Amino acid sequence: MFNLDPGGGSPESDEVQGSPPQPAKIGEIIPYALIALASFLCGIGVLGLMLWKAEALYKLGLIGNLYYIVLFPLGLCAAVFLFGVVRSFARYKGAQYGGTLELGGPIVAFVLVVGGGFLLVPKPQSTFPLTVYVHGEASRNDLVLRNSGRVFVDLDGDRRSESIGENGQAYFPAIPDRFRGQEVPIWVDAKGFESTVADQKERVDGASLYLKVRKKSGHVSGRVQDQDGNPIANADLALAGLSAHSDASGHFEFIIPGDKLAEEMDLQAVAPGHKAQTYKVVPDANELTVTLPTAP
């Protein structure tokens, strides 16, 4: 409530202030205190919900939007507390309409909390969703991975990954718009499978792309020697329909395609003047030592 002097008067009378706030009774404060407390708890509740469901909100692209909802109950809490409990008011200075209005207490608190929250938080960058469909070598309908494995993309050092779903899809909800039309490194991490292209890059043009995978190849290597530990050169070795020969140091190596790979495989080795031998080998294990006895 303001007491104004319309006659202008002396400089002392040009400054008119509201009467000092009177001490409030407990009964008058309680309703405001309850409203402030309810507003505060509402803001904290929304904030807690955001933290609890952060992953789901991120996938839906709602993190930035829900943040602003928290500002209003917190701003209302500050304003109601200052107005009803602290009894803080605005003040007018000057003669008639040429004076100045000093705003304090509730209004300033509300503006600082809400307005400051809008200004201090950076605007979210424009993004677009991307769905990567993983399939086998036969066709796009060859769903070799269901609810298994992850797809990785590297966005200038920002490495992201999403799990592969029931239909062989991995959904990335927020790819920065600056990567649209660019080639980005992308690969699959799944047990027993790999991308068909090493160091693969794909152009991100639209909302989806297809990624071909194959069964991982296996590796078997070792050394052929005689009973005395001397290397045997030009020994013939066979594994899963593949053939190889040992070099001058007795070393050999097989790269086994994924479709021929098994947990345990038979390796046959033979060399002139030596008995043929068969070994049980496990792909991707340590190097194997193949010893061929001298033929009688």
C-alpha atoms as a PDB file:
ATOM      1  CA  MET A   1       0.000   0.000   0.000  1.00  0.00           C
ATOM      2  CA  PHE A   2       1.446   3.425  -1.028  1.00  0.00           C
ATOM      3  CA  ASN A   3       0.756   6.946   0.294  1.00  0.00           C
ATOM      4  CA  LEU A   4       1.287   9.455  -2.561  1.00  0.00           C
ATOM      5  CA  ASP A   5       1.398  13.277  -2.389  1.00  0.00           C
ATOM      6  CA  PRO A   6      -0.254  14.616  -5.619  1.00  0.00           C
ATOM      7  CA  GLY A   7       0.938  18.183  -4.988  1.00  0.00           C
ATOM      8  CA  GLY A   8       4.603  17.464  -5.702  1.00  0.00           C
ATOM      9  CA  GLY A   9       5.797  19.263  -2.454  1.00  0.00           C
ATOM     10  CA  SER A  10       9.348  19.480  -1.238  1.00  0.00           C
ATOM     11  CA  PRO A  11      12.100  17.097  -2.221  1.00  0.00           C
ATOM     12  CA  GLU A  12      11.480  15.297   1.008  1.00  0.00           C
ATOM     13  CA  SER A  13       7.854  14.750   0.026  1.00  0.00           C
ATOM     14  CA  ASP A  14       8.850  13.543  -3.477  1.00  0.00           C
ATOM     15  CA  GLU A  15      10.005  10.285  -1.996  1.00  0.00           C
ATOM     16  CA  VAL A  16       7.090   8.240  -0.782  1.00  0.00           C
ATOM     17  CA  GLN A  17       7.590   4.831   0.603  1.00  0.00           C
ATOM     18  CA  GLY A  18       5.248   2.152   1.713  1.00  0.00           C
ATOM     19  CA  SER A  19       4.721   1.944   5.416  1.00  0.00           C
ATOM     20  CA  PRO A  20       7.067  -0.457   7.175  1.00  0.00           C
ATOM     21  CA  PRO A  21       5.757  -4.008   7.168  1.00  0.00           C
ATOM     22  CA  GLN A  22       4.064  -4.951  10.386  1.00  0.00           C
ATOM     23  CA  PRO A  23       5.102  -8.149  12.142  1.00  0.00           C
ATOM     24  CA  ALA A  24       2.947 -10.979  10.883  1.00  0.00           C
ATOM     25  CA  LYS A  25       1.045 -13.290  13.144  1.00  0.00           C
ATOM     26  CA  ILE A  26       1.829 -16.988  13.137  1.00  0.00           C
ATOM     27  CA  GLY A  27      -1.609 -17.765  11.758  1.00  0.00           C
ATOM     28  CA  GLU A  28      -0.974 -15.489   8.759  1.00  0.00           C
ATOM     29  CA  ILE A  29       2.446 -17.007   8.017  1.00  0.00           C
ATOM     30  CA  ILE A  30       1.518 -20.697   8.126  1.00  0.00           C
ATOM     31  CA  PRO A  31      -0.532 -20.790   4.859  1.00  0.00           C
ATOM     32  CA  TYR A  32       2.283 -19.079   2.937  1.00  0.00           C
ATOM     33  CA  ALA A  33       4.891 -21.346   4.510  1.00  0.00           C
ATOM     34  CA  LEU A  34       2.887 -24.409   3.501  1.00  0.00           C
ATOM     35  CA  ILE A  35       2.511 -23.153  -0.071  1.00  0.00           C
ATOM     36  CA  ALA A  36       6.272 -22.450  -0.258  1.00  0.00           C
ATOM     37  CA  LEU A  37       7.052 -25.898   1.135  1.00  0.00           C
ATOM     38  CA  ALA A  38       4.671 -27.589  -1.308  1.00  0.00           C
ATOM     39  CA  SER A  39       6.220 -25.710  -4.236  1.00  0.00           C
ATOM     40  CA  PHE A  40       9.719 -26.650  -3.100  1.00  0.00           C
ATOM     41  CA  LEU A  41       8.810 -30.323  -2.719  1.00  0.00           C
ATOM     42  CA  CYS A  42       7.144 -30.275  -6.149  1.00  0.00           C
ATOM     43  CA  GLY A  43      10.326 -28.914  -7.739  1.00  0.00           C
ATOM     44  CA  ILE A  44      12.500 -31.452  -5.934  1.00  0.00           C
ATOM     45  CA  GLY A  45      10.096 -34.213  -6.958  1.00  0.00           C
ATOM     46  CA  VAL A  46      10.325 -33.315 -10.645  1.00  0.00           C
ATOM     47  CA  LEU A  47      14.108 -33.104 -10.352  1.00  0.00           C
ATOM     48  CA  GLY A  48      14.228 -36.518  -8.675  1.00  0.00           C
ATOM     49  CA  LEU A  49      12.051 -37.974 -11.444  1.00  0.00           C
ATOM     50  CA  MET A  50      14.441 -36.601 -14.049  1.00  0.00           C
ATOM     51  CA  LEU A  51      17.409 -38.222 -12.329  1.00  0.00           C
ATOM     52  CA  TRP A  52      15.579 -41.525 -11.856  1.00  0.00           C
ATOM     53  CA  LYS A  53      14.417 -41.742 -15.480  1.00  0.00           C
ATOM     54  CA  ALA A  54      17.395 -39.936 -17.007  1.00  0.00           C
ATOM     55  CA  GLU A  55      18.164 -42.650 -19.556  1.00  0.00           C
ATOM     56  CA  ALA A  56      14.574 -42.911 -20.779  1.00  0.00           C
ATOM     57  CA  LEU A  57      14.191 -39.113 -20.962  1.00  0.00           C
ATOM     58  CA  TYR A  58      17.466 -38.848 -22.874  1.00  0.00           C
ATOM     59  CA  LYS A  59      16.296 -41.373 -25.454  1.00  0.00           C
ATOM     60  CA  LEU A  60      13.078 -39.385 -25.897  1.00  0.00           C
ATOM     61  CA  GLY A  61      14.977 -36.099 -26.130  1.00  0.00           C
ATOM     62  CA  LEU A  62      13.074 -34.566 -23.176  1.00  0.00           C
ATOM     63  CA  ILE A  63      15.892 -33.690 -20.761  1.00  0.00           C
ATOM     64  CA  GLY A  64      16.105 -30.038 -21.816  1.00  0.00           C
ATOM     65  CA  ASN A  65      12.337 -29.521 -21.816  1.00  0.00           C
ATOM     66  CA  LEU A  66      11.683 -30.950 -18.358  1.00  0.00           C
ATOM     67  CA  TYR A  67      14.436 -28.848 -16.835  1.00  0.00           C
ATOM     68  CA  TYR A  68      12.366 -25.691 -17.286  1.00  0.00           C
ATOM     69  CA  ILE A  69       9.421 -27.250 -15.465  1.00  0.00           C
ATOM     70  CA  VAL A  70      11.587 -27.431 -12.337  1.00  0.00           C
ATOM     71  CA  LEU A  71      12.144 -23.646 -12.429  1.00  0.00           C
ATOM     72  CA  PHE A  72       8.517 -22.652 -11.875  1.00  0.00           C
ATOM     73  CA  PRO A  73       7.823 -24.395  -8.556  1.00  0.00           C
ATOM     74  CA  LEU A  74      11.231 -23.308  -7.242  1.00  0.00           C
ATOM     75  CA  GLY A  75      10.577 -19.705  -8.321  1.00  0.00           C
ATOM     76  CA  LEU A  76       7.104 -19.811  -6.769  1.00  0.00           C
ATOM     77  CA  CYS A  77       8.601 -21.198  -3.552  1.00  0.00           C
ATOM     78  CA  ALA A  78      11.041 -18.262  -3.292  1.00  0.00           C
ATOM     79  CA  ALA A  79       8.367 -15.666  -4.096  1.00  0.00           C
ATOM     80  CA  VAL A  80       5.752 -16.997  -1.653  1.00  0.00           C
ATOM     81  CA  PHE A  81       8.297 -17.370   1.123  1.00  0.00           C
ATOM     82  CA  LEU A  82       9.546 -13.794   0.767  1.00  0.00           C
ATOM     83  CA  PHE A  83       6.045 -12.328   0.387  1.00  0.00           C
ATOM     84  CA  GLY A  84       4.152 -14.283   3.032  1.00  0.00           C
ATOM     85  CA  VAL A  85       6.821 -15.174   5.583  1.00  0.00           C
ATOM     86  CA  VAL A  86       9.512 -12.494   5.325  1.00  0.00           C
ATOM     87  CA  ARG A  87       6.886  -9.845   4.359  1.00  0.00           C
ATOM     88  CA  SER A  88       9.068  -8.314   1.631  1.00  0.00           C
ATOM     89  CA  PHE A  89       7.382  -5.707  -0.670  1.00  0.00           C
ATOM     90  CA  ALA A  90       8.129  -3.429  -3.618  1.00  0.00           C
ATOM     91  CA  ARG A  91       8.866   0.294  -3.125  1.00  0.00           C
ATOM     92  CA  TYR A  92       7.995   3.403  -5.182  1.00  0.00           C
ATOM     93  CA  LYS A  93      10.158   6.556  -5.320  1.00  0.00           C
ATOM     94  CA  GLY A  94       9.413   9.892  -7.027  1.00  0.00           C
ATOM     95  CA  ALA A  95       6.575  12.310  -7.804  1.00  0.00           C
ATOM     96  CA  GLN A  96       3.565  10.974  -9.689  1.00  0.00           C
ATOM     97  CA  TYR A  97       4.476   8.896 -12.766  1.00  0.00           C
ATOM     98  CA  GLY A  98       7.943  10.311 -13.303  1.00  0.00           C
ATOM     99  CA  GLY A  99       9.411   8.432 -10.397  1.00  0.00           C
ATOM    100  CA  THR A 100      11.012   5.048 -10.227  1.00  0.00           C
ATOM    101  CA  LEU A 101       9.680   1.725  -9.072  1.00  0.00           C
ATOM    102  CA  GLU A 102      12.054  -0.437  -7.087  1.00  0.00           C
ATOM    103  CA  LEU A 103      11.153  -4.068  -7.213  1.00  0.00           C
ATOM    104  CA  GLY A 104      12.401  -6.322  -4.487  1.00  0.00           C
ATOM    105  CA  GLY A 105      11.619  -9.458  -2.600  1.00  0.00           C
ATOM    106  CA  PRO A 106       9.156 -11.862  -4.224  1.00  0.00           C
ATOM    107  CA  ILE A 107       9.178 -10.444  -7.762  1.00  0.00           C
ATOM    108  CA  VAL A 108      12.955 -10.236  -8.038  1.00  0.00           C
ATOM    109  CA  ALA A 109      13.364 -13.724  -6.550  1.00  0.00           C
ATOM    110  CA  PHE A 110      10.896 -15.234  -9.001  1.00  0.00           C
ATOM    111  CA  VAL A 111      12.482 -13.473 -11.989  1.00  0.00           C
ATOM    112  CA  LEU A 112      15.997 -14.493 -10.929  1.00  0.00           C
ATOM    113  CA  VAL A 113      15.102 -18.150 -10.429  1.00  0.00           C
ATOM    114  CA  VAL A 114      12.985 -18.600 -13.557  1.00  0.00           C
ATOM    115  CA  GLY A 115      14.596 -16.065 -15.882  1.00  0.00           C
ATOM    116  CA  GLY A 116      18.105 -16.928 -14.765  1.00  0.00           C
ATOM    117  CA  GLY A 117      17.424 -20.598 -15.351  1.00  0.00           C
ATOM    118  CA  PHE A 118      16.389 -19.906 -18.924  1.00  0.00           C
ATOM    119  CA  LEU A 119      19.418 -17.724 -19.627  1.00  0.00           C
ATOM    120  CA  LEU A 120      22.124 -19.775 -17.955  1.00  0.00           C
ATOM    121  CA  VAL A 121      21.270 -23.116 -19.526  1.00  0.00           C
ATOM    122  CA  PRO A 122      22.673 -23.424 -23.078  1.00  0.00           C
ATOM    123  CA  LYS A 123      20.170 -24.076 -25.821  1.00  0.00           C
ATOM    124  CA  PRO A 124      20.202 -27.710 -26.941  1.00  0.00           C
ATOM    125  CA  GLN A 125      21.741 -28.311 -30.316  1.00  0.00           C
ATOM    126  CA  SER A 126      19.614 -29.605 -33.146  1.00  0.00           C
ATOM    127  CA  THR A 127      19.650 -33.395 -33.406  1.00  0.00           C
ATOM    128  CA  PHE A 128      18.036 -36.159 -35.419  1.00  0.00           C
ATOM    129  CA  PRO A 129      17.328 -39.843 -34.655  1.00  0.00           C
ATOM    130  CA  LEU A 130      19.162 -42.665 -36.400  1.00  0.00           C
ATOM    131  CA  THR A 131      18.198 -46.341 -36.559  1.00  0.00           C
ATOM    132  CA  VAL A 132      20.877 -48.819 -37.596  1.00  0.00           C
ATOM    133  CA  TYR A 133      19.601 -52.149 -38.924  1.00  0.00           C
ATOM    134  CA  VAL A 134      22.068 -55.024 -38.555  1.00  0.00           C
ATOM    135  CA  HIS A 135      21.740 -57.985 -40.929  1.00  0.00           C
ATOM    136  CA  GLY A 136      23.682 -60.955 -42.291  1.00  0.00           C
ATOM    137  CA  GLU A 137      25.370 -61.394 -45.642  1.00  0.00           C
ATOM    138  CA  ALA A 138      22.396 -63.145 -47.301  1.00  0.00           C
ATOM    139  CA  SER A 139      20.029 -60.136 -47.343  1.00  0.00           C
ATOM    140  CA  ARG A 140      18.611 -57.312 -45.237  1.00  0.00           C
ATOM    141  CA  ASN A 141      16.094 -59.794 -43.882  1.00  0.00           C
ATOM    142  CA  ASP A 142      18.835 -62.072 -42.573  1.00  0.00           C
ATOM    143  CA  LEU A 143      18.474 -61.248 -38.872  1.00  0.00           C
ATOM    144  CA  VAL A 144      21.546 -62.935 -37.449  1.00  0.00           C
ATOM    145  CA  LEU A 145      21.514 -60.796 -34.292  1.00  0.00           C
ATOM    146  CA  ARG A 146      18.399 -60.481 -32.142  1.00  0.00           C
ATOM    147  CA  ASN A 147      18.688 -58.859 -28.707  1.00  0.00           C
ATOM    148  CA  SER A 148      22.410 -59.494 -28.858  1.00  0.00           C
ATOM    149  CA  GLY A 149      25.400 -57.201 -29.300  1.00  0.00           C
ATOM    150  CA  ARG A 150      25.790 -53.446 -29.635  1.00  0.00           C
ATOM    151  CA  VAL A 151      26.313 -50.932 -32.418  1.00  0.00           C
ATOM    152  CA  PHE A 152      28.978 -48.233 -31.951  1.00  0.00           C
ATOM    153  CA  VAL A 153      29.326 -44.882 -33.731  1.00  0.00           C
ATOM    154  CA  ASP A 154      32.221 -42.453 -33.329  1.00  0.00           C
ATOM    155  CA  LEU A 155      31.149 -38.805 -33.641  1.00  0.00           C
ATOM    156  CA  ASP A 156      34.461 -36.954 -33.656  1.00  0.00           C
ATOM    157  CA  GLY A 157      35.581 -38.605 -30.452  1.00  0.00           C
ATOM    158  CA  ASP A 158      32.100 -38.790 -28.938  1.00  0.00           C
ATOM    159  CA  ARG A 159      31.734 -42.563 -28.954  1.00  0.00           C
ATOM    160  CA  ARG A 160      28.164 -43.799 -28.513  1.00  0.00           C
ATOM    161  CA  SER A 161      26.654 -47.269 -28.426  1.00  0.00           C
ATOM    162  CA  GLU A 162      23.179 -48.774 -28.381  1.00  0.00           C
ATOM    163  CA  SER A 163      22.056 -52.369 -27.897  1.00  0.00           C
ATOM    164  CA  ILE A 164      20.628 -54.380 -30.794  1.00  0.00           C
ATOM    165  CA  GLY A 165      16.919 -55.125 -30.385  1.00  0.00           C
ATOM    166  CA  GLU A 166      14.499 -57.884 -31.330  1.00  0.00           C
ATOM    167  CA  ASN A 167      14.390 -56.866 -35.002  1.00  0.00           C
ATOM    168  CA  GLY A 168      18.125 -56.359 -35.367  1.00  0.00           C
ATOM    169  CA  GLN A 169      17.877 -52.591 -34.841  1.00  0.00           C
ATOM    170  CA  ALA A 170      19.931 -50.174 -32.752  1.00  0.00           C
ATOM    171  CA  TYR A 171      18.270 -46.794 -32.105  1.00  0.00           C
ATOM    172  CA  PHE A 172      20.305 -43.613 -31.584  1.00  0.00           C
ATOM    173  CA  PRO A 173      17.855 -40.867 -30.488  1.00  0.00           C
ATOM    174  CA  ALA A 174      20.013 -37.756 -30.820  1.00  0.00           C
ATOM    175  CA  ILE A 175      22.727 -37.554 -33.476  1.00  0.00           C
ATOM    176  CA  PRO A 176      23.988 -33.922 -33.740  1.00  0.00           C
ATOM    177  CA  ASP A 177      22.709 -32.314 -36.922  1.00  0.00           C
ATOM    178  CA  ARG A 178      26.209 -31.339 -38.035  1.00  0.00           C
ATOM    179  CA  PHE A 179      26.924 -34.999 -38.838  1.00  0.00           C
ATOM    180  CA  ARG A 180      24.085 -35.243 -41.364  1.00  0.00           C
ATOM    181  CA  GLY A 181      25.549 -36.119 -44.749  1.00  0.00           C
ATOM    182  CA  GLN A 182      28.922 -37.085 -43.277  1.00  0.00           C
ATOM    183  CA  GLU A 183      30.664 -40.448 -43.097  1.00  0.00           C
ATOM    184  CA  VAL A 184      31.153 -41.657 -39.531  1.00  0.00           C
ATOM    185  CA  PRO A 185      32.969 -44.743 -38.192  1.00  0.00           C
ATOM    186  CA  ILE A 186      30.452 -47.421 -37.240  1.00  0.00           C
ATOM    187  CA  TRP A 187      30.852 -51.023 -36.153  1.00  0.00           C
ATOM    188  CA  VAL A 188      29.214 -53.951 -34.375  1.00  0.00           C
ATOM    189  CA  ASP A 189      30.417 -55.573 -31.161  1.00  0.00           C
ATOM    190  CA  ALA A 190      28.726 -58.968 -30.852  1.00  0.00           C
ATOM    191  CA  LYS A 191      29.944 -62.395 -29.811  1.00  0.00           C
ATOM    192  CA  GLY A 192      30.906 -64.407 -32.886  1.00  0.00           C
ATOM    193  CA  PHE A 193      30.161 -61.627 -35.392  1.00  0.00           C
ATOM    194  CA  GLU A 194      31.995 -58.719 -37.001  1.00  0.00           C
ATOM    195  CA  SER A 195      31.404 -56.055 -39.646  1.00  0.00           C
ATOM    196  CA  THR A 196      32.131 -57.223 -43.167  1.00  0.00           C
ATOM    197  CA  VAL A 197      34.335 -54.163 -43.779  1.00  0.00           C
ATOM    198  CA  ALA A 198      37.307 -53.354 -41.571  1.00  0.00           C
ATOM    199  CA  ASP A 199      37.356 -49.780 -40.204  1.00  0.00           C
ATOM    200  CA  GLN A 200      33.927 -49.265 -41.739  1.00  0.00           C
ATOM    201  CA  LYS A 201      32.459 -45.800 -42.296  1.00  0.00           C
ATOM    202  CA  GLU A 202      28.892 -45.046 -43.332  1.00  0.00           C
ATOM    203  CA  ARG A 203      27.307 -41.870 -44.682  1.00  0.00           C
ATOM    204  CA  VAL A 204      24.537 -40.602 -42.397  1.00  0.00           C
ATOM    205  CA  ASP A 205      21.975 -39.145 -44.787  1.00  0.00           C
ATOM    206  CA  GLY A 206      18.594 -40.045 -43.372  1.00  0.00           C
ATOM    207  CA  ALA A 207      16.898 -41.611 -40.409  1.00  0.00           C
ATOM    208  CA  SER A 208      18.212 -45.139 -41.007  1.00  0.00           C
ATOM    209  CA  LEU A 209      21.054 -47.173 -42.459  1.00  0.00           C
ATOM    210  CA  TYR A 210      21.893 -50.852 -42.868  1.00  0.00           C
ATOM    211  CA  LEU A 211      24.991 -52.574 -41.533  1.00  0.00           C
ATOM    212  CA  LYS A 212      26.119 -55.968 -42.846  1.00  0.00           C
ATOM    213  CA  VAL A 213      27.860 -58.409 -40.502  1.00  0.00           C
ATOM    214  CA  ARG A 214      29.369 -61.865 -40.829  1.00  0.00           C
ATOM    215  CA  LYS A 215      30.592 -64.565 -38.514  1.00  0.00           C
ATOM    216  CA  LYS A 216      34.028 -63.784 -37.146  1.00  0.00           C
ATOM    217  CA  SER A 217      36.929 -65.572 -38.752  1.00  0.00           C
ATOM    218  CA  GLY A 218      39.245 -67.775 -36.693  1.00  0.00           C
ATOM    219  CA  HIS A 219      42.985 -68.063 -36.498  1.00  0.00           C
ATOM    220  CA  VAL A 220      45.208 -71.115 -36.056  1.00  0.00           C
ATOM    221  CA  SER A 221      48.985 -70.946 -36.216  1.00  0.00           C
ATOM    222  CA  GLY A 222      51.923 -72.990 -35.073  1.00  0.00           C
ATOM    223  CA  ARG A 223      55.237 -74.657 -35.868  1.00  0.00           C
ATOM    224  CA  VAL A 224      56.043 -78.036 -37.380  1.00  0.00           C
ATOM    225  CA  GLN A 225      59.093 -79.833 -36.000  1.00  0.00           C
ATOM    226  CA  ASP A 226      60.669 -83.276 -35.748  1.00  0.00           C
ATOM    227  CA  GLN A 227      61.223 -85.278 -32.572  1.00  0.00           C
ATOM    228  CA  ASP A 228      64.476 -83.424 -31.933  1.00  0.00           C
ATOM    229  CA  GLY A 229      62.820 -79.986 -32.167  1.00  0.00           C
ATOM    230  CA  ASN A 230      64.220 -79.173 -35.594  1.00  0.00           C
ATOM    231  CA  PRO A 231      61.848 -77.268 -37.916  1.00  0.00           C
ATOM    232  CA  ILE A 232      60.287 -79.121 -40.803  1.00  0.00           C
ATOM    233  CA  ALA A 233      59.849 -77.037 -43.955  1.00  0.00           C
ATOM    234  CA  ASN A 234      57.225 -77.650 -46.661  1.00  0.00           C
ATOM    235  CA  ALA A 235      55.031 -79.830 -44.472  1.00  0.00           C
ATOM    236  CA  ASP A 236      51.489 -80.154 -45.798  1.00  0.00           C
ATOM    237  CA  LEU A 237      48.718 -79.094 -43.391  1.00  0.00           C
ATOM    238  CA  ALA A 238      44.926 -79.299 -43.824  1.00  0.00           C
ATOM    239  CA  LEU A 239      42.186 -77.747 -41.698  1.00  0.00           C
ATOM    240  CA  ALA A 240      38.457 -77.299 -42.444  1.00  0.00           C
ATOM    241  CA  GLY A 241      39.023 -77.849 -46.148  1.00  0.00           C
ATOM    242  CA  LEU A 242      41.869 -75.336 -46.212  1.00  0.00           C
ATOM    243  CA  SER A 243      45.518 -76.136 -46.902  1.00  0.00           C
ATOM    244  CA  ALA A 244      48.814 -74.549 -45.915  1.00  0.00           C
ATOM    245  CA  HIS A 245      52.544 -75.262 -45.976  1.00  0.00           C
ATOM    246  CA  SER A 246      55.177 -74.695 -43.324  1.00  0.00           C
ATOM    247  CA  ASP A 247      57.966 -72.251 -44.175  1.00  0.00           C
ATOM    248  CA  ALA A 248      61.722 -72.671 -43.678  1.00  0.00           C
ATOM    249  CA  SER A 249      61.332 -72.140 -39.927  1.00  0.00           C
ATOM    250  CA  GLY A 250      58.451 -74.631 -39.764  1.00  0.00           C
ATOM    251  CA  HIS A 251      55.831 -71.904 -39.166  1.00  0.00           C
ATOM    252  CA  PHE A 252      52.302 -72.132 -40.592  1.00  0.00           C
ATOM    253  CA  GLU A 253      49.051 -70.160 -40.275  1.00  0.00           C
ATOM    254  CA  PHE A 254      45.357 -70.576 -41.117  1.00  0.00           C
ATOM    255  CA  ILE A 255      42.666 -67.881 -41.367  1.00  0.00           C
ATOM    256  CA  ILE A 256      39.367 -69.753 -41.062  1.00  0.00           C
ATOM    257  CA  PRO A 257      36.171 -68.131 -42.422  1.00  0.00           C
ATOM    258  CA  GLY A 258      33.360 -67.782 -39.923  1.00  0.00           C
ATOM    259  CA  ASP A 259      31.084 -70.232 -41.725  1.00  0.00           C
ATOM    260  CA  LYS A 260      33.720 -72.999 -41.374  1.00  0.00           C
ATOM    261  CA  LEU A 261      34.655 -72.211 -37.785  1.00  0.00           C
ATOM    262  CA  ALA A 262      34.008 -74.642 -34.920  1.00  0.00           C
ATOM    263  CA  GLU A 263      34.954 -74.694 -31.253  1.00  0.00           C
ATOM    264  CA  GLU A 264      37.289 -77.652 -31.873  1.00  0.00           C
ATOM    265  CA  MET A 265      38.744 -78.684 -35.218  1.00  0.00           C
ATOM    266  CA  ASP A 266      40.975 -81.403 -36.719  1.00  0.00           C
ATOM    267  CA  LEU A 267      44.387 -80.445 -38.122  1.00  0.00           C
ATOM    268  CA  GLN A 268      46.206 -82.940 -40.339  1.00  0.00           C
ATOM    269  CA  ALA A 269      49.946 -82.603 -40.899  1.00  0.00           C
ATOM    270  CA  VAL A 270      52.228 -84.681 -43.129  1.00  0.00           C
ATOM    271  CA  ALA A 271      55.782 -84.331 -44.441  1.00  0.00           C
ATOM    272  CA  PRO A 272      58.060 -86.573 -46.513  1.00  0.00           C
ATOM    273  CA  GLY A 273      59.967 -89.003 -44.295  1.00  0.00           C
ATOM    274  CA  HIS A 274      57.650 -88.452 -41.353  1.00  0.00           C
ATOM    275  CA  LYS A 275      54.491 -90.018 -40.010  1.00  0.00           C
ATOM    276  CA  ALA A 276      51.230 -88.111 -40.602  1.00  0.00           C
ATOM    277  CA  GLN A 277      49.632 -86.722 -37.460  1.00  0.00           C
ATOM    278  CA  THR A 278      46.179 -85.398 -36.545  1.00  0.00           C
ATOM    279  CA  TYR A 279      45.711 -82.804 -33.805  1.00  0.00           C
ATOM    280  CA  LYS A 280      42.658 -81.395 -32.100  1.00  0.00           C
ATOM    281  CA  VAL A 281      42.973 -77.606 -32.213  1.00  0.00           C
ATOM    282  CA  VAL A 282      40.997 -74.721 -30.739  1.00  0.00           C
ATOM    283  CA  PRO A 283      40.830 -71.602 -32.948  1.00  0.00           C
ATOM    284  CA  ASP A 284      42.266 -68.340 -31.560  1.00  0.00           C
ATOM    285  CA  ALA A 285      44.272 -70.214 -28.922  1.00  0.00           C
ATOM    286  CA  ASN A 286      48.039 -70.168 -28.379  1.00  0.00           C
ATOM    287  CA  GLU A 287      50.397 -71.235 -31.135  1.00  0.00           C
ATOM    288  CA  LEU A 288      50.456 -74.978 -31.712  1.00  0.00           C
ATOM    289  CA  THR A 289      53.549 -77.179 -31.849  1.00  0.00           C
ATOM    290  CA  VAL A 290      53.125 -80.008 -34.329  1.00  0.00           C
ATOM    291  CA  THR A 291      55.666 -82.796 -33.879  1.00  0.00           C
ATOM    292  CA  LEU A 292      56.024 -85.335 -36.694  1.00  0.00           C
ATOM    293  CA  PRO A 293      57.844 -88.575 -35.831  1.00  0.00           C
ATOM    294  CA  THR A 294      60.338 -89.957 -38.341  1.00  0.00           C
ATOM    295  CA  ALA A 295      58.855 -92.668 -40.545  1.00  0.00           C
ATOM    296  CA  PRO A 296      60.336 -96.160 -40.099  1.00  0.00           C
END
